[in-house]
Protein backbone atom coordinates (compact mmCIF):
# COMPACT_ATOMS: atom_id res chain seq x y z
CA UNK A 1 0.00 0.00 0.00
CA UNK A 2 1.33 3.41 -0.87
CA UNK A 3 1.89 5.97 1.88
CA UNK A 4 -0.78 8.28 0.44
CA UNK A 5 -3.42 5.54 0.66
CA UNK A 6 -2.38 4.82 4.25
CA UNK A 7 -2.56 8.54 5.09
CA UNK A 8 -6.04 8.69 3.57
CA UNK A 9 -7.16 5.81 5.80
CA UNK A 10 -5.67 7.61 8.81
CA UNK A 11 -7.62 10.73 7.75
CA UNK A 12 -10.87 8.77 7.58
CA UNK A 13 -10.24 7.28 11.01
CA UNK A 14 -9.40 10.73 12.39
CA UNK A 15 -12.61 12.10 10.88
CA UNK A 16 -14.57 9.36 12.62
CA UNK A 17 -12.78 10.23 15.88
CA UNK A 18 -13.69 13.91 15.44
CA UNK A 19 -17.32 12.93 14.95
CA UNK A 20 -17.63 10.24 17.65
CA UNK A 21 -14.88 11.07 20.13
CA UNK A 22 -12.90 7.85 19.66
CA UNK A 23 -10.98 5.78 17.16
CA UNK A 24 -12.59 2.55 16.06
CA UNK A 25 -10.43 -0.50 15.32
CA UNK A 26 -13.34 -2.14 13.52
CA UNK A 27 -13.52 0.75 11.06
CA UNK A 28 -9.74 0.54 10.56
CA UNK A 29 -10.02 -3.14 9.72
CA UNK A 30 -12.82 -2.43 7.25
CA UNK A 31 -10.81 0.33 5.54
CA UNK A 32 -7.63 -1.71 5.16
CA UNK A 33 -7.37 -3.33 1.78
CA UNK A 34 -5.82 -6.66 0.97
CA UNK A 35 -2.62 -4.94 -0.14
CA UNK A 36 -2.07 -3.34 3.29
CA UNK A 37 1.39 -4.39 4.40
CA UNK A 38 2.66 -4.31 7.97
CA UNK A 39 4.48 -0.98 7.39
CA UNK A 40 1.22 0.66 6.28
CA UNK A 41 -0.72 -0.81 9.17
CA UNK A 42 1.95 0.35 11.65
CA UNK A 43 1.97 3.81 10.07
CA UNK A 44 -1.82 4.12 10.36
CA UNK A 45 -1.77 2.84 13.95
CA UNK A 46 1.08 5.21 14.89
CA UNK A 47 -0.78 8.20 13.47
CA UNK A 48 -4.11 7.44 15.11
CA UNK A 49 -2.53 6.54 18.45
CA UNK A 50 -0.36 9.66 18.35
CA UNK A 51 -3.28 11.92 17.52
CA UNK A 52 -5.30 10.44 20.39
CA UNK A 53 -2.40 10.89 22.83
CA UNK A 54 -1.74 14.50 21.80
CA UNK A 55 -5.28 15.64 20.96
CA UNK A 56 -5.34 18.55 23.41
CA UNK A 57 -1.99 19.89 22.24
CA UNK A 58 -2.98 19.50 18.57
CA UNK A 59 -6.31 21.23 19.13
CA UNK A 60 -4.56 24.11 20.91
CA UNK A 61 -2.21 24.49 17.95
CA UNK A 62 -5.12 24.58 15.51
CA UNK A 63 -7.03 27.10 17.64
CA UNK A 64 -3.92 29.29 17.89
CA UNK A 65 -3.57 29.62 14.11
CA UNK A 66 -7.20 29.46 12.98
CA UNK A 67 -7.51 33.20 13.44
CA UNK A 68 -10.97 34.48 12.71
CA UNK A 69 -12.47 31.00 12.89
CA UNK A 70 -14.16 29.60 15.95
CA UNK A 71 -12.99 26.07 16.64
CA UNK A 72 -16.52 24.67 16.72
CA UNK A 73 -17.23 26.17 13.30
CA UNK A 74 -14.30 24.55 11.48
CA UNK A 75 -15.55 21.91 9.05
CA UNK A 76 -15.05 18.51 10.67
CA UNK A 77 -13.30 17.26 7.53
CA UNK A 78 -10.84 20.15 7.75
CA UNK A 79 -10.35 19.57 11.45
CA UNK A 80 -9.51 15.90 10.86
CA UNK A 81 -6.99 16.88 8.18
CA UNK A 82 -5.46 19.53 10.43
CA UNK A 83 -5.13 17.10 13.33
CA UNK A 84 -3.45 14.57 11.08
CA UNK A 85 -1.09 17.09 9.51
CA UNK A 86 -0.22 18.85 12.78
CA UNK A 87 0.63 15.52 14.36
CA UNK A 88 2.85 14.51 11.46
CA UNK A 89 4.58 17.90 11.34
CA UNK A 90 5.17 18.07 15.08
CA UNK A 91 5.87 14.45 16.01
CA UNK A 92 7.20 12.57 12.97
CA UNK A 93 10.12 12.90 10.63
CA UNK A 94 7.95 13.11 7.52
CA UNK A 95 9.04 16.19 5.53
CA UNK A 96 6.65 19.08 6.13
CA UNK A 97 6.22 19.72 2.39
CA UNK A 98 5.07 16.14 1.85
CA UNK A 99 2.56 16.37 4.69
CA UNK A 100 1.12 19.67 3.48
CA UNK A 101 0.93 18.55 -0.15
CA UNK A 102 -0.81 15.28 0.68
CA UNK A 103 -3.26 16.82 3.14
CA UNK A 104 -4.14 19.61 0.69
CA UNK A 105 -4.78 17.00 -2.02
CA UNK A 106 -7.02 15.01 0.33
CA UNK A 107 -8.87 18.24 1.19
CA UNK A 108 -9.52 18.87 -2.51
CA UNK A 109 -11.21 15.45 -2.68
CA UNK A 110 -13.16 15.40 0.59
CA UNK A 111 -13.79 18.98 1.64
CA UNK A 112 -15.05 22.35 0.46
CA UNK A 113 -13.55 24.09 -2.57
CA UNK A 114 -11.82 26.70 -0.39
CA UNK A 115 -10.73 24.36 2.40
CA UNK A 116 -7.33 23.58 0.94
CA UNK A 117 -6.32 27.26 1.18
CA UNK A 118 -7.54 27.45 4.80
CA UNK A 119 -5.64 24.28 5.72
CA UNK A 120 -2.51 25.39 3.88
CA UNK A 121 -2.50 28.73 5.74
CA UNK A 122 -2.79 27.14 9.17
CA UNK A 123 -0.13 24.54 8.38
CA UNK A 124 2.29 27.22 7.18
CA UNK A 125 2.03 28.88 10.61
CA UNK A 126 2.39 25.53 12.40
CA UNK A 127 5.52 24.72 10.41
CA UNK A 128 7.02 28.13 11.26
CA UNK A 129 6.40 27.52 14.95
CA UNK A 130 7.72 23.97 14.95
CA UNK A 131 10.85 24.71 12.95
CA UNK A 132 11.73 27.89 14.82
CA UNK A 133 11.68 26.50 18.25
């Protein structure tokens, strides 16, 4: 399974968590295809576990940079993508440009027409903060 497909599954699981308040292993198992290798499964599990462990910190980061937007009014799809991207930027060694590019592409598929610009703007600020200190 390619990394992008694994990231998309992690996004869908994060979206479900945003909507229900928890990750669901049953949903993960349903989303995994037959070509899911152990690296992809570990990657998905690491992302979802990491997001759950750092949810308060990630939400605070999103709130900090979503200027002019109330947290409760952010589209849930965008919020799931922001949580995923912020976690990867802050806690993994995945290059920031890769994370932003992939999340923006997922936003173009699953969210509003203007969401990718909103997400890109917040992530640019997050990257500045993370890389500067």
